[in-house]
Amino acid sequence: MVCIFCEISKGRVYTNFIYQNRNFFSIPDSNPQVEGHSLVISKKHFDGFLDLKAKLGEDLVDCIKNTGLILMRKLDASGFKLSNTSFNDFRPHIDHFHVHIFPEKEEDSSSFNVRF
């Protein structure tokens, strides 16, 4: 089975990148749960968080932070929430490491609820 995130990483599938560094990139989610819902994805294929090498941590944080800041400015959001699921009964439908970013406006903070 072809991994769509690997295809995007290799440039075989076109998408709009929000941010990228040596090891990660971010893109808008194709099925957004809230305005600005985006994904931070590893360029190399890892099945999940537990497969990531610790040395990638700096680039992961860089991509999450910069993607979040870009989305906050673009949407006039006050912050963002993160979600990642690795190796459990709620396994994501794409077996390639990724983190969901959900921009959040101050007025939305008490009622924010995302369903997967």
C-alpha atoms as a PDB file:
ATOM      1  CA  MET A   1       0.000   0.000   0.000  1.00  0.00           C
ATOM      2  CA  VAL A   2       1.271   3.464  -0.900  1.00  0.00           C
ATOM      3  CA  CYS A   3       1.714   5.912   1.974  1.00  0.00           C
ATOM      4  CA  ILE A   4       0.212   9.272   1.012  1.00  0.00           C
ATOM      5  CA  PHE A   5       2.493  11.161   3.414  1.00  0.00           C
ATOM      6  CA  CYS A   6       5.591   9.546   1.869  1.00  0.00           C
ATOM      7  CA  GLU A   7       4.277  10.507  -1.573  1.00  0.00           C
ATOM      8  CA  ILE A   8       3.846  14.124  -0.425  1.00  0.00           C
ATOM      9  CA  SER A   9       7.315  14.121   1.152  1.00  0.00           C
ATOM     10  CA  LYS A  10       8.872  12.870  -2.117  1.00  0.00           C
ATOM     11  CA  GLY A  11       7.043  15.517  -4.152  1.00  0.00           C
ATOM     12  CA  ARG A  12       4.871  12.981  -5.990  1.00  0.00           C
ATOM     13  CA  VAL A  13       1.647  14.472  -4.607  1.00  0.00           C
ATOM     14  CA  TYR A  14       1.206  18.243  -4.652  1.00  0.00           C
ATOM     15  CA  THR A  15       0.039  20.131  -1.584  1.00  0.00           C
ATOM     16  CA  ASN A  16       0.447  23.550  -0.024  1.00  0.00           C
ATOM     17  CA  PHE A  17       3.165  23.451   2.606  1.00  0.00           C
ATOM     18  CA  ILE A  18       2.746  25.693   5.623  1.00  0.00           C
ATOM     19  CA  TYR A  19       6.270  25.179   6.977  1.00  0.00           C
ATOM     20  CA  GLN A  20       9.126  22.717   6.659  1.00  0.00           C
ATOM     21  CA  ASN A  21      12.596  22.002   7.960  1.00  0.00           C
ATOM     22  CA  ARG A  22      15.101  19.158   7.446  1.00  0.00           C
ATOM     23  CA  ASN A  23      12.924  16.400   8.887  1.00  0.00           C
ATOM     24  CA  PHE A  24       9.301  17.589   9.090  1.00  0.00           C
ATOM     25  CA  PHE A  25       6.735  19.530   7.105  1.00  0.00           C
ATOM     26  CA  SER A  26       3.262  20.849   7.794  1.00  0.00           C
ATOM     27  CA  ILE A  27       0.214  20.967   5.548  1.00  0.00           C
ATOM     28  CA  PRO A  28      -3.490  21.770   5.921  1.00  0.00           C
ATOM     29  CA  ASP A  29      -5.581  18.740   6.896  1.00  0.00           C
ATOM     30  CA  SER A  30      -7.666  17.474   3.958  1.00  0.00           C
ATOM     31  CA  ASN A  31     -10.656  16.957   6.275  1.00  0.00           C
ATOM     32  CA  PRO A  32     -10.395  19.826   8.789  1.00  0.00           C
ATOM     33  CA  GLN A  33     -12.221  19.548  12.101  1.00  0.00           C
ATOM     34  CA  VAL A  34     -11.769  23.282  12.814  1.00  0.00           C
ATOM     35  CA  GLU A  35     -10.603  26.232  10.728  1.00  0.00           C
ATOM     36  CA  GLY A  36      -6.847  25.933  10.164  1.00  0.00           C
ATOM     37  CA  HIS A  37      -6.615  22.271  11.263  1.00  0.00           C
ATOM     38  CA  SER A  38      -3.178  21.191  10.020  1.00  0.00           C
ATOM     39  CA  LEU A  39      -0.740  18.293  10.214  1.00  0.00           C
ATOM     40  CA  VAL A  40       2.959  18.149  11.086  1.00  0.00           C
ATOM     41  CA  ILE A  41       4.413  15.105   9.312  1.00  0.00           C
ATOM     42  CA  SER A  42       7.812  13.420   9.354  1.00  0.00           C
ATOM     43  CA  LYS A  43       9.590  13.469   5.977  1.00  0.00           C
ATOM     44  CA  LYS A  44      10.931   9.971   6.603  1.00  0.00           C
ATOM     45  CA  HIS A  45       8.417   7.196   7.209  1.00  0.00           C
ATOM     46  CA  PHE A  46       7.940   6.292  10.874  1.00  0.00           C
ATOM     47  CA  ASP A  47       4.889   4.277  11.887  1.00  0.00           C
ATOM     48  CA  GLY A  48       4.323   6.363  14.996  1.00  0.00           C
ATOM     49  CA  PHE A  49       5.789   8.495  17.748  1.00  0.00           C
ATOM     50  CA  LEU A  50       7.545   5.567  19.416  1.00  0.00           C
ATOM     51  CA  ASP A  51       9.525   4.929  16.222  1.00  0.00           C
ATOM     52  CA  LEU A  52      10.962   8.462  16.029  1.00  0.00           C
ATOM     53  CA  LYS A  53      14.631   8.916  16.833  1.00  0.00           C
ATOM     54  CA  ALA A  54      15.194  11.206  19.834  1.00  0.00           C
ATOM     55  CA  LYS A  55      17.588  13.367  17.791  1.00  0.00           C
ATOM     56  CA  LEU A  56      14.582  14.450  15.672  1.00  0.00           C
ATOM     57  CA  GLY A  57      12.983  16.135  18.672  1.00  0.00           C
ATOM     58  CA  GLU A  58      14.440  19.570  17.956  1.00  0.00           C
ATOM     59  CA  ASP A  59      13.151  19.585  14.380  1.00  0.00           C
ATOM     60  CA  LEU A  60       9.749  18.282  15.499  1.00  0.00           C
ATOM     61  CA  VAL A  61       9.369  21.064  18.070  1.00  0.00           C
ATOM     62  CA  ASP A  62      10.580  23.625  15.512  1.00  0.00           C
ATOM     63  CA  CYS A  63       7.972  22.521  12.969  1.00  0.00           C
ATOM     64  CA  ILE A  64       5.128  22.415  15.497  1.00  0.00           C
ATOM     65  CA  LYS A  65       6.055  25.799  16.965  1.00  0.00           C
ATOM     66  CA  ASN A  66       6.474  27.594  13.635  1.00  0.00           C
ATOM     67  CA  THR A  67       3.365  26.028  12.115  1.00  0.00           C
ATOM     68  CA  GLY A  68       1.378  27.050  15.194  1.00  0.00           C
ATOM     69  CA  LEU A  69       2.692  30.617  15.029  1.00  0.00           C
ATOM     70  CA  ILE A  70       1.907  30.903  11.304  1.00  0.00           C
ATOM     71  CA  LEU A  71      -1.639  29.635  11.869  1.00  0.00           C
ATOM     72  CA  MET A  72      -2.173  31.888  14.883  1.00  0.00           C
ATOM     73  CA  ARG A  73      -1.183  34.971  12.852  1.00  0.00           C
ATOM     74  CA  LYS A  74      -3.192  33.937   9.806  1.00  0.00           C
ATOM     75  CA  LEU A  75      -6.360  33.153  11.766  1.00  0.00           C
ATOM     76  CA  ASP A  76      -5.952  35.654  14.613  1.00  0.00           C
ATOM     77  CA  ALA A  77      -5.997  32.668  16.991  1.00  0.00           C
ATOM     78  CA  SER A  78      -4.914  32.852  20.624  1.00  0.00           C
ATOM     79  CA  GLY A  79      -3.238  29.438  20.664  1.00  0.00           C
ATOM     80  CA  PHE A  80      -3.484  25.887  19.432  1.00  0.00           C
ATOM     81  CA  LYS A  81      -3.992  22.331  20.635  1.00  0.00           C
ATOM     82  CA  LEU A  82      -2.021  19.263  19.571  1.00  0.00           C
ATOM     83  CA  SER A  83      -3.087  15.655  19.119  1.00  0.00           C
ATOM     84  CA  ASN A  84      -1.138  12.508  18.297  1.00  0.00           C
ATOM     85  CA  THR A  85      -2.176   8.889  18.557  1.00  0.00           C
ATOM     86  CA  SER A  86       0.423   6.114  18.525  1.00  0.00           C
ATOM     87  CA  PHE A  87      -0.032   2.375  18.801  1.00  0.00           C
ATOM     88  CA  ASN A  88      -3.359   1.898  20.517  1.00  0.00           C
ATOM     89  CA  ASP A  89      -6.944   0.963  19.708  1.00  0.00           C
ATOM     90  CA  PHE A  90      -7.533   4.421  18.259  1.00  0.00           C
ATOM     91  CA  ARG A  91      -4.823   3.915  15.632  1.00  0.00           C
ATOM     92  CA  PRO A  92      -4.870   6.606  12.934  1.00  0.00           C
ATOM     93  CA  HIS A  93      -5.993   5.663   9.454  1.00  0.00           C
ATOM     94  CA  ILE A  94      -2.553   6.649   8.090  1.00  0.00           C
ATOM     95  CA  ASP A  95       0.334   4.705   9.578  1.00  0.00           C
ATOM     96  CA  HIS A  96       2.892   7.494   9.229  1.00  0.00           C
ATOM     97  CA  PHE A  97       3.866   9.721  12.138  1.00  0.00           C
ATOM     98  CA  HIS A  98       1.919  12.976  12.248  1.00  0.00           C
ATOM     99  CA  VAL A  99       0.667  15.502  14.763  1.00  0.00           C
ATOM    100  CA  HIS A 100      -2.620  17.376  14.401  1.00  0.00           C
ATOM    101  CA  ILE A 101      -2.595  21.119  15.125  1.00  0.00           C
ATOM    102  CA  PHE A 102      -5.913  22.780  15.965  1.00  0.00           C
ATOM    103  CA  PRO A 103      -5.801  26.586  16.070  1.00  0.00           C
ATOM    104  CA  GLU A 104      -7.972  27.964  18.827  1.00  0.00           C
ATOM    105  CA  LYS A 105      -9.521  31.372  19.229  1.00  0.00           C
ATOM    106  CA  GLU A 106     -10.060  32.653  22.762  1.00  0.00           C
ATOM    107  CA  GLU A 107     -13.841  32.563  22.412  1.00  0.00           C
ATOM    108  CA  ASP A 108     -13.656  28.868  21.374  1.00  0.00           C
ATOM    109  CA  SER A 109     -11.518  27.603  24.267  1.00  0.00           C
ATOM    110  CA  SER A 110     -14.319  26.458  26.553  1.00  0.00           C
ATOM    111  CA  SER A 111     -16.234  24.567  23.874  1.00  0.00           C
ATOM    112  CA  PHE A 112     -13.393  23.054  21.837  1.00  0.00           C
ATOM    113  CA  ASN A 113     -14.131  19.439  21.028  1.00  0.00           C
ATOM    114  CA  VAL A 114     -12.534  17.482  18.193  1.00  0.00           C
ATOM    115  CA  ARG A 115     -13.740  14.068  17.109  1.00  0.00           C
ATOM    116  CA  PHE A 116     -11.593  11.602  15.166  1.00  0.00           C
END
